[in-house]
C-alpha atoms as a PDB file:
ATOM      1  CA  MET A   1     -20.318 -39.077  29.752  1.00  0.00           C
ATOM      2  CA  SER A   2     -22.281 -35.810  29.072  1.00  0.00           C
ATOM      3  CA  LEU A   3     -25.890 -35.828  27.994  1.00  0.00           C
ATOM      4  CA  PHE A   4     -24.736 -34.214  24.630  1.00  0.00           C
ATOM      5  CA  SER A   5     -22.163 -36.830  23.968  1.00  0.00           C
ATOM      6  CA  SER A   6     -24.567 -39.664  24.847  1.00  0.00           C
ATOM      7  CA  ARG A   7     -27.137 -38.237  22.423  1.00  0.00           C
ATOM      8  CA  ARG A   8     -24.446 -38.052  19.673  1.00  0.00           C
ATOM      9  CA  LEU A   9     -23.416 -41.678  20.429  1.00  0.00           C
ATOM     10  CA  ALA A  10     -27.101 -42.720  20.181  1.00  0.00           C
ATOM     11  CA  LYS A  11     -27.450 -41.058  16.943  1.00  0.00           C
ATOM     12  CA  GLY A  12     -24.298 -42.752  15.579  1.00  0.00           C
ATOM     13  CA  VAL A  13     -25.666 -46.173  16.756  1.00  0.00           C
ATOM     14  CA  ILE A  14     -28.789 -45.612  14.952  1.00  0.00           C
ATOM     15  CA  ALA A  15     -26.874 -44.604  11.836  1.00  0.00           C
ATOM     16  CA  ALA A  16     -24.694 -47.508  11.975  1.00  0.00           C
ATOM     17  CA  THR A  17     -27.616 -49.758  12.269  1.00  0.00           C
ATOM     18  CA  ALA A  18     -29.398 -48.317   9.373  1.00  0.00           C
ATOM     19  CA  LEU A  19     -26.131 -48.584   7.297  1.00  0.00           C
ATOM     20  CA  ALA A  20     -25.792 -52.275   8.225  1.00  0.00           C
ATOM     21  CA  LEU A  21     -29.445 -53.023   7.210  1.00  0.00           C
ATOM     22  CA  THR A  22     -28.749 -51.195   3.828  1.00  0.00           C
ATOM     23  CA  VAL A  23     -25.511 -53.226   3.252  1.00  0.00           C
ATOM     24  CA  THR A  24     -27.539 -56.543   4.021  1.00  0.00           C
ATOM     25  CA  MET A  25     -30.251 -55.622   1.788  1.00  0.00           C
ATOM     26  CA  SER A  26     -27.968 -54.555  -1.246  1.00  0.00           C
ATOM     27  CA  GLY A  27     -25.280 -57.218  -0.778  1.00  0.00           C
ATOM     28  CA  CYS A  28     -22.744 -54.462  -1.119  1.00  0.00           C
ATOM     29  CA  ALA A  29     -20.545 -52.852   1.366  1.00  0.00           C
ATOM     30  CA  SER A  30     -19.510 -49.803  -0.596  1.00  0.00           C
ATOM     31  CA  THR A  31     -18.789 -46.657   1.282  1.00  0.00           C
ATOM     32  CA  GLU A  32     -19.452 -44.400  -1.774  1.00  0.00           C
ATOM     33  CA  GLY A  33     -22.460 -42.092  -2.444  1.00  0.00           C
ATOM     34  CA  GLU A  34     -23.833 -42.375   0.994  1.00  0.00           C
ATOM     35  CA  SER A  35     -24.882 -39.170   3.011  1.00  0.00           C
ATOM     36  CA  ALA A  36     -23.341 -38.112   6.336  1.00  0.00           C
ATOM     37  CA  ALA A  37     -26.435 -39.173   8.016  1.00  0.00           C
ATOM     38  CA  ASP A  38     -25.506 -42.725   6.859  1.00  0.00           C
ATOM     39  CA  GLY A  39     -22.144 -42.410   8.374  1.00  0.00           C
ATOM     40  CA  ARG A  40     -19.945 -42.062   5.366  1.00  0.00           C
ATOM     41  CA  THR A  41     -16.682 -40.295   6.150  1.00  0.00           C
ATOM     42  CA  ARG A  42     -13.556 -39.194   4.311  1.00  0.00           C
ATOM     43  CA  VAL A  43     -10.045 -38.201   5.577  1.00  0.00           C
ATOM     44  CA  PHE A  44      -9.337 -34.442   5.207  1.00  0.00           C
ATOM     45  CA  GLU A  45      -5.908 -32.599   5.245  1.00  0.00           C
ATOM     46  CA  ALA A  46      -6.152 -29.709   7.579  1.00  0.00           C
ATOM     47  CA  ASP A  47      -3.748 -27.408   9.661  1.00  0.00           C
ATOM     48  CA  ASN A  48      -4.541 -29.779  12.619  1.00  0.00           C
ATOM     49  CA  GLY A  49      -3.641 -33.061  10.834  1.00  0.00           C
ATOM     50  CA  ARG A  50      -5.486 -35.693   8.763  1.00  0.00           C
ATOM     51  CA  ILE A  51      -9.108 -35.510  10.170  1.00  0.00           C
ATOM     52  CA  THR A  52     -11.914 -37.931   9.503  1.00  0.00           C
ATOM     53  CA  ILE A  53     -15.019 -35.969   8.716  1.00  0.00           C
ATOM     54  CA  PRO A  54     -18.521 -36.613   7.255  1.00  0.00           C
ATOM     55  CA  ALA A  55     -18.320 -37.002   3.467  1.00  0.00           C
ATOM     56  CA  ASP A  56     -21.509 -34.966   3.092  1.00  0.00           C
ATOM     57  CA  PRO A  57     -21.834 -32.641   6.259  1.00  0.00           C
ATOM     58  CA  GLN A  58     -25.359 -31.436   7.205  1.00  0.00           C
ATOM     59  CA  ARG A  59     -24.752 -29.130  10.136  1.00  0.00           C
ATOM     60  CA  VAL A  60     -21.650 -26.941   9.878  1.00  0.00           C
ATOM     61  CA  VAL A  61     -20.269 -24.415  12.425  1.00  0.00           C
ATOM     62  CA  ALA A  62     -17.682 -22.010  11.021  1.00  0.00           C
ATOM     63  CA  THR A  63     -15.355 -19.415  12.566  1.00  0.00           C
ATOM     64  CA  GLY A  64     -13.011 -16.787  11.348  1.00  0.00           C
ATOM     65  CA  TYR A  65     -12.263 -16.540   7.688  1.00  0.00           C
ATOM     66  CA  ALA A  66     -14.414 -19.591   7.132  1.00  0.00           C
ATOM     67  CA  VAL A  67     -17.443 -17.597   7.826  1.00  0.00           C
ATOM     68  CA  PRO A  68     -17.739 -15.540   4.632  1.00  0.00           C
ATOM     69  CA  ALA A  69     -16.397 -18.387   2.537  1.00  0.00           C
ATOM     70  CA  LEU A  70     -19.131 -20.811   3.686  1.00  0.00           C
ATOM     71  CA  ILE A  71     -21.878 -18.421   3.516  1.00  0.00           C
ATOM     72  CA  GLU A  72     -20.950 -17.504  -0.100  1.00  0.00           C
ATOM     73  CA  ALA A  73     -20.718 -21.361  -0.818  1.00  0.00           C
ATOM     74  CA  ASP A  74     -24.175 -21.870   0.625  1.00  0.00           C
ATOM     75  CA  ALA A  75     -22.872 -24.425   3.034  1.00  0.00           C
ATOM     76  CA  PRO A  76     -25.342 -25.928   5.616  1.00  0.00           C
ATOM     77  CA  LEU A  77     -24.359 -23.592   8.389  1.00  0.00           C
ATOM     78  CA  VAL A  78     -26.001 -23.770  11.897  1.00  0.00           C
ATOM     79  CA  GLY A  79     -23.595 -21.375  13.681  1.00  0.00           C
ATOM     80  CA  ILE A  80     -20.897 -18.971  13.018  1.00  0.00           C
ATOM     81  CA  SER A  81     -18.559 -16.621  14.879  1.00  0.00           C
ATOM     82  CA  THR A  82     -18.933 -12.854  14.370  1.00  0.00           C
ATOM     83  CA  TRP A  83     -17.012 -11.359  11.484  1.00  0.00           C
ATOM     84  CA  GLN A  84     -17.440  -7.690  11.654  1.00  0.00           C
ATOM     85  CA  ARG A  85     -14.400  -6.721   9.482  1.00  0.00           C
ATOM     86  CA  GLY A  86     -16.134  -8.479   6.529  1.00  0.00           C
ATOM     87  CA  GLU A  87     -19.691  -7.031   6.824  1.00  0.00           C
ATOM     88  CA  PRO A  88     -18.923  -3.966   4.482  1.00  0.00           C
ATOM     89  CA  MET A  89     -17.888  -6.250   1.842  1.00  0.00           C
ATOM     90  CA  MET A  90     -20.896  -8.697   1.940  1.00  0.00           C
ATOM     91  CA  THR A  91     -23.716  -8.484  -0.430  1.00  0.00           C
ATOM     92  CA  LYS A  92     -27.287  -7.896   0.849  1.00  0.00           C
ATOM     93  CA  GLU A  93     -28.096 -11.594   0.585  1.00  0.00           C
ATOM     94  CA  ASP A  94     -24.948 -12.631   2.321  1.00  0.00           C
ATOM     95  CA  LEU A  95     -25.366 -10.184   5.049  1.00  0.00           C
ATOM     96  CA  ALA A  96     -28.859 -11.227   5.509  1.00  0.00           C
ATOM     97  CA  THR A  97     -27.731 -14.815   5.978  1.00  0.00           C
ATOM     98  CA  TYR A  98     -24.900 -13.691   8.358  1.00  0.00           C
ATOM     99  CA  ASN A  99     -27.120 -11.776  10.470  1.00  0.00           C
ATOM    100  CA  LYS A 100     -29.674 -14.535  11.003  1.00  0.00           C
ATOM    101  CA  LEU A 101     -27.297 -17.314  11.685  1.00  0.00           C
ATOM    102  CA  PRO A 102     -26.540 -18.001  15.358  1.00  0.00           C
ATOM    103  CA  LYS A 103     -23.371 -16.529  16.748  1.00  0.00           C
ATOM    104  CA  VAL A 104     -21.291 -19.097  18.676  1.00  0.00           C
ATOM    105  CA  ALA A 105     -18.144 -17.159  18.789  1.00  0.00           C
ATOM    106  CA  GLY A 106     -16.850 -13.660  18.736  1.00  0.00           C
ATOM    107  CA  GLU A 107     -14.206 -11.775  16.744  1.00  0.00           C
ATOM    108  CA  SER A 108     -11.248 -13.606  18.391  1.00  0.00           C
ATOM    109  CA  ALA A 109     -10.581 -17.268  18.871  1.00  0.00           C
ATOM    110  CA  ALA A 110     -10.529 -16.765  22.523  1.00  0.00           C
ATOM    111  CA  GLU A 111     -14.223 -15.733  22.360  1.00  0.00           C
ATOM    112  CA  THR A 112     -15.354 -19.229  21.368  1.00  0.00           C
ATOM    113  CA  ASN A 113     -18.695 -20.110  23.112  1.00  0.00           C
ATOM    114  CA  TYR A 114     -18.375 -24.026  23.474  1.00  0.00           C
ATOM    115  CA  GLU A 115     -21.741 -24.386  24.862  1.00  0.00           C
ATOM    116  CA  ALA A 116     -23.382 -22.575  22.064  1.00  0.00           C
ATOM    117  CA  ILE A 117     -21.568 -24.831  19.600  1.00  0.00           C
ATOM    118  CA  ALA A 118     -22.670 -27.872  21.473  1.00  0.00           C
ATOM    119  CA  GLU A 119     -26.191 -26.732  21.406  1.00  0.00           C
ATOM    120  CA  ALA A 120     -26.006 -26.170  17.529  1.00  0.00           C
ATOM    121  CA  ASP A 121     -25.379 -29.930  17.244  1.00  0.00           C
ATOM    122  CA  PRO A 122     -22.989 -29.688  14.389  1.00  0.00           C
ATOM    123  CA  ASP A 123     -21.476 -32.622  12.475  1.00  0.00           C
ATOM    124  CA  LEU A 124     -18.488 -30.618  11.418  1.00  0.00           C
ATOM    125  CA  ILE A 125     -16.776 -27.546  12.715  1.00  0.00           C
ATOM    126  CA  VAL A 126     -14.540 -25.341  10.526  1.00  0.00           C
ATOM    127  CA  ILE A 127     -12.002 -23.108  12.145  1.00  0.00           C
ATOM    128  CA  GLY A 128     -10.676 -20.362   9.964  1.00  0.00           C
ATOM    129  CA  VAL A 129      -7.962 -18.790  12.164  1.00  0.00           C
ATOM    130  CA  PRO A 130      -4.206 -18.495  11.542  1.00  0.00           C
ATOM    131  CA  ALA A 131      -2.257 -21.427  12.755  1.00  0.00           C
ATOM    132  CA  PRO A 132      -0.613 -19.468  15.693  1.00  0.00           C
ATOM    133  CA  VAL A 133      -3.997 -18.307  16.866  1.00  0.00           C
ATOM    134  CA  LEU A 134      -5.217 -21.954  17.068  1.00  0.00           C
ATOM    135  CA  LYS A 135      -3.572 -22.189  20.550  1.00  0.00           C
ATOM    136  CA  ASP A 136      -6.334 -19.968  21.706  1.00  0.00           C
ATOM    137  CA  VAL A 137      -8.937 -22.622  20.833  1.00  0.00           C
ATOM    138  CA  ASP A 138      -9.649 -25.678  22.986  1.00  0.00           C
ATOM    139  CA  VAL A 139      -9.797 -28.012  20.072  1.00  0.00           C
ATOM    140  CA  LYS A 140     -10.044 -31.170  22.208  1.00  0.00           C
ATOM    141  CA  ARG A 141     -13.356 -29.780  23.718  1.00  0.00           C
ATOM    142  CA  LEU A 142     -14.509 -28.919  20.238  1.00  0.00           C
ATOM    143  CA  GLU A 143     -13.584 -32.448  18.990  1.00  0.00           C
ATOM    144  CA  SER A 144     -15.932 -33.976  21.744  1.00  0.00           C
ATOM    145  CA  ILE A 145     -18.787 -32.118  19.941  1.00  0.00           C
ATOM    146  CA  ALA A 146     -17.857 -32.827  16.275  1.00  0.00           C
ATOM    147  CA  PRO A 147     -14.785 -33.375  13.921  1.00  0.00           C
ATOM    148  CA  VAL A 148     -12.851 -30.236  13.704  1.00  0.00           C
ATOM    149  CA  VAL A 149     -10.895 -28.931  10.638  1.00  0.00           C
ATOM    150  CA  ALA A 150      -8.646 -25.857  11.089  1.00  0.00           C
ATOM    151  CA  ILE A 151      -7.913 -24.075   7.849  1.00  0.00           C
ATOM    152  CA  GLY A 152      -6.541 -20.732   8.413  1.00  0.00           C
ATOM    153  CA  PRO A 153      -4.853 -17.960   6.364  1.00  0.00           C
ATOM    154  CA  THR A 154      -1.105 -18.005   5.664  1.00  0.00           C
ATOM    155  CA  VAL A 155       0.111 -15.316   3.035  1.00  0.00           C
ATOM    156  CA  PRO A 156      -2.721 -12.773   2.234  1.00  0.00           C
ATOM    157  CA  SER A 157      -3.115 -14.048  -1.423  1.00  0.00           C
ATOM    158  CA  ALA A 158      -3.782 -17.501  -0.320  1.00  0.00           C
ATOM    159  CA  TRP A 159      -7.313 -16.851   0.475  1.00  0.00           C
ATOM    160  CA  ARG A 160      -8.199 -18.316  -3.000  1.00  0.00           C
ATOM    161  CA  GLU A 161      -6.977 -21.883  -2.187  1.00  0.00           C
ATOM    162  CA  LEU A 162      -7.887 -21.606   1.488  1.00  0.00           C
ATOM    163  CA  SER A 163     -11.522 -20.610   0.934  1.00  0.00           C
ATOM    164  CA  ARG A 164     -11.985 -23.370  -1.671  1.00  0.00           C
ATOM    165  CA  LYS A 165     -10.573 -25.843   0.982  1.00  0.00           C
ATOM    166  CA  GLN A 166     -13.034 -24.623   3.510  1.00  0.00           C
ATOM    167  CA  ALA A 167     -15.896 -25.068   1.028  1.00  0.00           C
ATOM    168  CA  ASP A 168     -14.668 -28.406   0.154  1.00  0.00           C
ATOM    169  CA  ALA A 169     -14.683 -29.521   3.753  1.00  0.00           C
ATOM    170  CA  ALA A 170     -18.170 -28.419   4.063  1.00  0.00           C
ATOM    171  CA  GLY A 171     -19.408 -30.115   0.967  1.00  0.00           C
ATOM    172  CA  ALA A 172     -20.095 -26.895  -0.916  1.00  0.00           C
ATOM    173  CA  VAL A 173     -17.506 -26.724  -3.704  1.00  0.00           C
ATOM    174  CA  GLU A 174     -19.999 -26.577  -6.566  1.00  0.00           C
ATOM    175  CA  ASN A 175     -21.349 -23.262  -5.490  1.00  0.00           C
ATOM    176  CA  PHE A 176     -17.985 -22.139  -4.500  1.00  0.00           C
ATOM    177  CA  ASP A 177     -16.554 -22.825  -8.086  1.00  0.00           C
ATOM    178  CA  ALA A 178     -19.547 -20.928  -9.670  1.00  0.00           C
ATOM    179  CA  VAL A 179     -18.617 -17.744  -7.838  1.00  0.00           C
ATOM    180  CA  LYS A 180     -14.902 -18.360  -8.524  1.00  0.00           C
ATOM    181  CA  ALA A 181     -15.698 -18.412 -12.267  1.00  0.00           C
ATOM    182  CA  GLN A 182     -17.561 -15.130 -12.191  1.00  0.00           C
ATOM    183  CA  TYR A 183     -14.606 -13.454 -10.600  1.00  0.00           C
ATOM    184  CA  GLU A 184     -12.044 -14.853 -13.028  1.00  0.00           C
ATOM    185  CA  GLN A 185     -14.192 -13.768 -15.809  1.00  0.00           C
ATOM    186  CA  LYS A 186     -14.499 -10.180 -14.364  1.00  0.00           C
ATOM    187  CA  ALA A 187     -10.751  -9.994 -13.472  1.00  0.00           C
ATOM    188  CA  GLY A 188      -9.872 -11.202 -17.076  1.00  0.00           C
ATOM    189  CA  GLN A 189     -12.067  -8.370 -18.559  1.00  0.00           C
ATOM    190  CA  LEU A 190     -10.345  -5.628 -16.480  1.00  0.00           C
ATOM    191  CA  ALA A 191      -6.983  -7.091 -17.242  1.00  0.00           C
ATOM    192  CA  GLU A 192      -7.747  -6.632 -20.938  1.00  0.00           C
ATOM    193  CA  LYS A 193      -9.253  -3.096 -20.198  1.00  0.00           C
ATOM    194  CA  TYR A 194      -6.069  -1.992 -18.557  1.00  0.00           C
ATOM    195  CA  LYS A 195      -3.448  -3.998 -20.465  1.00  0.00           C
ATOM    196  CA  ASN A 196      -1.852  -0.907 -22.102  1.00  0.00           C
ATOM    197  CA  VAL A 197      -1.649   0.987 -18.617  1.00  0.00           C
ATOM    198  CA  LEU A 198      -1.123  -0.985 -15.608  1.00  0.00           C
ATOM    199  CA  PRO A 199       1.799  -3.152 -16.685  1.00  0.00           C
ATOM    200  CA  LYS A 200       3.779  -0.070 -17.741  1.00  0.00           C
ATOM    201  CA  LEU A 201       3.550   1.346 -14.271  1.00  0.00           C
ATOM    202  CA  LYS A 202       5.929   0.672 -11.249  1.00  0.00           C
ATOM    203  CA  PHE A 203       3.460   0.581  -8.211  1.00  0.00           C
ATOM    204  CA  ALA A 204       3.896   0.984  -4.563  1.00  0.00           C
ATOM    205  CA  HIS A 205       1.211   0.425  -1.836  1.00  0.00           C
ATOM    206  CA  VAL A 206       0.686   1.971   1.546  1.00  0.00           C
ATOM    207  CA  GLY A 207      -1.341  -0.438   3.734  1.00  0.00           C
ATOM    208  CA  GLY A 208      -3.610   0.187   6.565  1.00  0.00           C
ATOM    209  CA  TYR A 209      -1.720  -1.653   9.255  1.00  0.00           C
ATOM    210  CA  GLY A 210       0.956   0.773  10.086  1.00  0.00           C
ATOM    211  CA  GLN A 211       1.608   1.812  13.676  1.00  0.00           C
ATOM    212  CA  VAL A 212       1.377   5.580  14.251  1.00  0.00           C
ATOM    213  CA  GLU A 213       2.483   5.313  17.784  1.00  0.00           C
ATOM    214  CA  ASN A 214       5.713   3.693  16.630  1.00  0.00           C
ATOM    215  CA  GLY A 215       6.194   6.147  13.820  1.00  0.00           C
ATOM    216  CA  ASN A 216       6.195   3.623  10.940  1.00  0.00           C
ATOM    217  CA  PHE A 217       3.888   2.720   7.990  1.00  0.00           C
ATOM    218  CA  GLN A 218       3.039  -0.379   6.124  1.00  0.00           C
ATOM    219  CA  ARG A 219       4.388  -0.936   2.802  1.00  0.00           C
ATOM    220  CA  GLU A 220       2.928  -3.808   0.819  1.00  0.00           C
ATOM    221  CA  PHE A 221       4.320  -5.901  -2.057  1.00  0.00           C
ATOM    222  CA  ASP A 222       2.911  -8.159  -4.562  1.00  0.00           C
ATOM    223  CA  GLY A 223       0.504 -10.765  -2.924  1.00  0.00           C
ATOM    224  CA  SER A 224      -0.391  -8.799   0.065  1.00  0.00           C
ATOM    225  CA  TRP A 225      -3.852  -7.638   1.359  1.00  0.00           C
ATOM    226  CA  GLY A 226      -3.869  -4.358  -0.617  1.00  0.00           C
ATOM    227  CA  THR A 227      -2.185  -5.582  -3.792  1.00  0.00           C
ATOM    228  CA  ASN A 228      -3.163  -9.190  -4.552  1.00  0.00           C
ATOM    229  CA  ILE A 229      -6.459  -8.421  -6.481  1.00  0.00           C
ATOM    230  CA  ALA A 230      -4.793  -5.499  -8.391  1.00  0.00           C
ATOM    231  CA  ASN A 231      -2.114  -8.107  -9.320  1.00  0.00           C
ATOM    232  CA  ASP A 232      -4.881 -10.123 -10.987  1.00  0.00           C
ATOM    233  CA  ILE A 233      -5.582  -7.185 -13.414  1.00  0.00           C
ATOM    234  CA  GLY A 234      -2.018  -6.497 -14.208  1.00  0.00           C
ATOM    235  CA  ALA A 235      -0.614  -4.027 -11.591  1.00  0.00           C
ATOM    236  CA  ARG A 236       2.807  -4.956 -10.315  1.00  0.00           C
ATOM    237  CA  TYR A 237       4.492  -3.647  -6.988  1.00  0.00           C
ATOM    238  CA  TYR A 238       8.129  -3.159  -7.120  1.00  0.00           C
ATOM    239  CA  GLY A 239      10.657  -4.481  -4.463  1.00  0.00           C
ATOM    240  CA  GLN A 240      10.391  -6.976  -1.846  1.00  0.00           C
ATOM    241  CA  VAL A 241      10.432  -7.460   1.954  1.00  0.00           C
ATOM    242  CA  LYS A 242      14.042  -6.827   3.283  1.00  0.00           C
ATOM    243  CA  GLU A 243      13.711  -9.362   6.210  1.00  0.00           C
ATOM    244  CA  LYS A 244      10.970 -11.790   5.448  1.00  0.00           C
ATOM    245  CA  GLY A 245       8.936 -13.466   8.159  1.00  0.00           C
ATOM    246  CA  PRO A 246       6.025 -15.825   8.185  1.00  0.00           C
ATOM    247  CA  GLY A 247       2.615 -15.080   6.635  1.00  0.00           C
ATOM    248  CA  SER A 248       1.853 -11.558   5.825  1.00  0.00           C
ATOM    249  CA  LYS A 249       5.501 -10.548   7.027  1.00  0.00           C
ATOM    250  CA  SER A 250       6.742 -12.162   3.659  1.00  0.00           C
ATOM    251  CA  VAL A 251       4.808  -9.576   1.533  1.00  0.00           C
ATOM    252  CA  SER A 252       4.768  -6.340   3.676  1.00  0.00           C
ATOM    253  CA  GLU A 253       6.936  -4.515   6.006  1.00  0.00           C
ATOM    254  CA  TYR A 254       6.964  -1.511   8.309  1.00  0.00           C
ATOM    255  CA  PRO A 255       9.563   1.094   7.560  1.00  0.00           C
ATOM    256  CA  SER A 256       9.776   4.343   9.706  1.00  0.00           C
ATOM    257  CA  ILE A 257       8.078   7.430   8.337  1.00  0.00           C
ATOM    258  CA  GLU A 258      11.389   8.874   7.702  1.00  0.00           C
ATOM    259  CA  GLU A 259      12.192   6.044   5.139  1.00  0.00           C
ATOM    260  CA  LEU A 260       9.145   7.102   2.926  1.00  0.00           C
ATOM    261  CA  PRO A 261      11.358   8.703   0.229  1.00  0.00           C
ATOM    262  CA  SER A 262      13.647   5.708  -0.031  1.00  0.00           C
ATOM    263  CA  ALA A 263      10.798   3.292   0.217  1.00  0.00           C
ATOM    264  CA  LEU A 264       8.446   4.750  -2.369  1.00  0.00           C
ATOM    265  CA  GLY A 265      10.461   7.260  -4.233  1.00  0.00           C
ATOM    266  CA  GLN A 266      10.903   5.039  -7.269  1.00  0.00           C
ATOM    267  CA  ALA A 267       7.030   4.429  -7.746  1.00  0.00           C
ATOM    268  CA  ASP A 268       5.326   5.806 -10.804  1.00  0.00           C
ATOM    269  CA  ALA A 269       2.034   5.125  -9.207  1.00  0.00           C
ATOM    270  CA  ILE A 270       1.043   4.630  -5.378  1.00  0.00           C
ATOM    271  CA  THR A 271      -2.131   2.889  -4.154  1.00  0.00           C
ATOM    272  CA  TYR A 272      -3.245   3.127  -0.667  1.00  0.00           C
ATOM    273  CA  THR A 273      -5.841   1.297   1.554  1.00  0.00           C
ATOM    274  CA  VAL A 274      -9.023   3.310   2.473  1.00  0.00           C
ATOM    275  CA  ASN A 275     -12.022   2.006   4.498  1.00  0.00           C
ATOM    276  CA  ALA A 276     -15.091   0.818   2.874  1.00  0.00           C
ATOM    277  CA  ASP A 277     -16.720   4.176   2.903  1.00  0.00           C
ATOM    278  CA  GLY A 278     -13.693   5.880   1.326  1.00  0.00           C
ATOM    279  CA  SER A 279     -12.295   7.432   4.558  1.00  0.00           C
ATOM    280  CA  LEU A 280      -8.628   7.167   5.394  1.00  0.00           C
ATOM    281  CA  PRO A 281      -7.493   4.704   8.103  1.00  0.00           C
ATOM    282  CA  GLU A 282      -5.481   6.445  10.754  1.00  0.00           C
ATOM    283  CA  PRO A 283      -2.135   4.751   9.737  1.00  0.00           C
ATOM    284  CA  VAL A 284      -2.660   5.981   6.122  1.00  0.00           C
ATOM    285  CA  LYS A 285      -3.638   9.547   7.044  1.00  0.00           C
ATOM    286  CA  TYR A 286      -0.360   9.703   9.232  1.00  0.00           C
ATOM    287  CA  VAL A 287       1.466   9.065   6.007  1.00  0.00           C
ATOM    288  CA  MET A 288      -0.498  11.448   3.737  1.00  0.00           C
ATOM    289  CA  ASP A 289      -0.167  14.336   6.385  1.00  0.00           C
ATOM    290  CA  SER A 290       3.612  13.972   6.148  1.00  0.00           C
ATOM    291  CA  GLN A 291       5.528  16.574   4.122  1.00  0.00           C
ATOM    292  CA  LEU A 292       7.590  13.531   2.906  1.00  0.00           C
ATOM    293  CA  TRP A 293       4.579  11.985   1.227  1.00  0.00           C
ATOM    294  CA  LYS A 294       3.783  15.237  -0.551  1.00  0.00           C
ATOM    295  CA  ASN A 295       7.292  15.404  -2.029  1.00  0.00           C
ATOM    296  CA  LEU A 296       7.050  11.917  -3.603  1.00  0.00           C
ATOM    297  CA  PRO A 297       7.258  11.941  -7.445  1.00  0.00           C
ATOM    298  CA  ALA A 298       4.124   9.947  -7.710  1.00  0.00           C
ATOM    299  CA  VAL A 299       2.223  12.218  -5.472  1.00  0.00           C
ATOM    300  CA  LYS A 300       3.429  15.307  -7.246  1.00  0.00           C
ATOM    301  CA  ALA A 301       2.509  13.691 -10.545  1.00  0.00           C
ATOM    302  CA  GLY A 302      -1.104  13.026  -9.340  1.00  0.00           C
ATOM    303  CA  LYS A 303      -0.562   9.283  -9.499  1.00  0.00           C
ATOM    304  CA  THR A 304      -2.101   8.127  -6.230  1.00  0.00           C
ATOM    305  CA  PHE A 305      -5.194   5.762  -6.075  1.00  0.00           C
ATOM    306  CA  PRO A 306      -7.366   4.851  -3.127  1.00  0.00           C
ATOM    307  CA  VAL A 307      -8.246   1.212  -2.897  1.00  0.00           C
ATOM    308  CA  ARG A 308     -11.357  -0.169  -0.971  1.00  0.00           C
ATOM    309  CA  TYR A 309     -12.045  -3.731   0.060  1.00  0.00           C
ATOM    310  CA  THR A 310      -8.366  -4.579   0.450  1.00  0.00           C
ATOM    311  CA  GLU A 311      -9.363  -7.269   3.082  1.00  0.00           C
ATOM    312  CA  ALA A 312     -11.467  -9.175   0.575  1.00  0.00           C
ATOM    313  CA  ALA A 313     -10.876 -12.975   1.261  1.00  0.00           C
ATOM    314  CA  THR A 314     -13.650 -14.586  -0.761  1.00  0.00           C
ATOM    315  CA  TYR A 315     -14.329 -14.370  -4.548  1.00  0.00           C
ATOM    316  CA  ARG A 316     -17.533 -12.444  -4.039  1.00  0.00           C
ATOM    317  CA  GLN A 317     -15.956  -9.910  -1.823  1.00  0.00           C
ATOM    318  CA  ALA A 318     -12.954  -9.754  -4.503  1.00  0.00           C
ATOM    319  CA  MET A 319     -15.548  -8.828  -7.088  1.00  0.00           C
ATOM    320  CA  LYS A 320     -16.420  -5.703  -5.037  1.00  0.00           C
ATOM    321  CA  ALA A 321     -12.628  -5.007  -4.798  1.00  0.00           C
ATOM    322  CA  LEU A 322     -12.302  -5.309  -8.628  1.00  0.00           C
ATOM    323  CA  ASP A 323     -15.197  -2.718  -9.123  1.00  0.00           C
ATOM    324  CA  ALA A 324     -13.330  -0.490  -6.666  1.00  0.00           C
ATOM    325  CA  LEU A 325     -10.200  -0.824  -8.564  1.00  0.00           C
ATOM    326  CA  ASP A 326     -11.721  -0.171 -11.890  1.00  0.00           C
ATOM    327  CA  GLU A 327     -13.194   3.047 -10.315  1.00  0.00           C
ATOM    328  CA  THR A 328      -9.836   4.242  -9.037  1.00  0.00           C
ATOM    329  CA  PHE A 329      -7.924   3.390 -12.097  1.00  0.00           C
ATOM    330  CA  ALA A 330     -10.223   4.743 -14.673  1.00  0.00           C
ATOM    331  CA  PRO A 331      -8.571   8.069 -14.976  1.00  0.00           C
ATOM    332  CA  LEU A 332      -5.395   6.252 -16.209  1.00  0.00           C
ATOM    333  CA  LEU A 333      -7.300   5.339 -19.508  1.00  0.00           C
ATOM    334  CA  ASN A 334      -7.635   9.001 -20.328  1.00  0.00           C
ATOM    335  CA  GLN A 335      -3.800   9.952 -19.680  1.00  0.00           C
END
């Protein structure tokens, strides 16, 4: 048995002894209302099964998509993976928290530092990676350190439910729900503001994950990365994936650049993904440099709209995306 495992076992014995004394003194064996330090647990449904976790975690490690969600929820984090893609969408306060927390993993699941996680001495580990990527993590090794719950992304729009589930596991739902309420209020206000404009337009979206080397582009439909927040304020993206696959493949596809007229030709308006600083990702620039793009009816009509923060996967990040959508759609109110 490792020194770390021995220490955790000793802590468990002390906690169990304290709990036994409490039960003896009170004459009640209830498991309700006790902290994680007292040994209270619950069973949690995760991607990796029904996992027994602390009812009130005190030291949480988070990776992947769980990182921004648990920072926003003010969970008791003691270690996180890096999450560079989300840095431009964080508030100053959240970015400061992110920067000061120990980094126990890199950008990919394969970059997990098991020794660093053990040194953080967590009582819960929340892994926020897609289920297919979970194979790159030595879950058994992590389970020797602390209970592990895997809660990863599925379809892009599911960040709402998944981020709440991550906050729930970490015992931080109250703070999470407060930010969610702010987002819903703001989205409702913008839906009202654009109610006479957006629902009347047939939208299409060019995403940032096309593959220039393969001569294709990404078309996103309702519920995808570039569209799901716009959906919340009344924008609707016509059509659907021809050959649906799992996850994001059910709400986006990759036609060849030659198919641009048939794919986007019916659109009244086209949105397209841009970087946080407003610059064009190379796959989007590839599309916009094409003469086929310039000949699209929506382009000729001046109905094209850049969209920032399309990778938002938390409610606070999504509020920044709402601001960006409001800015880009504002000219429609004067037409």
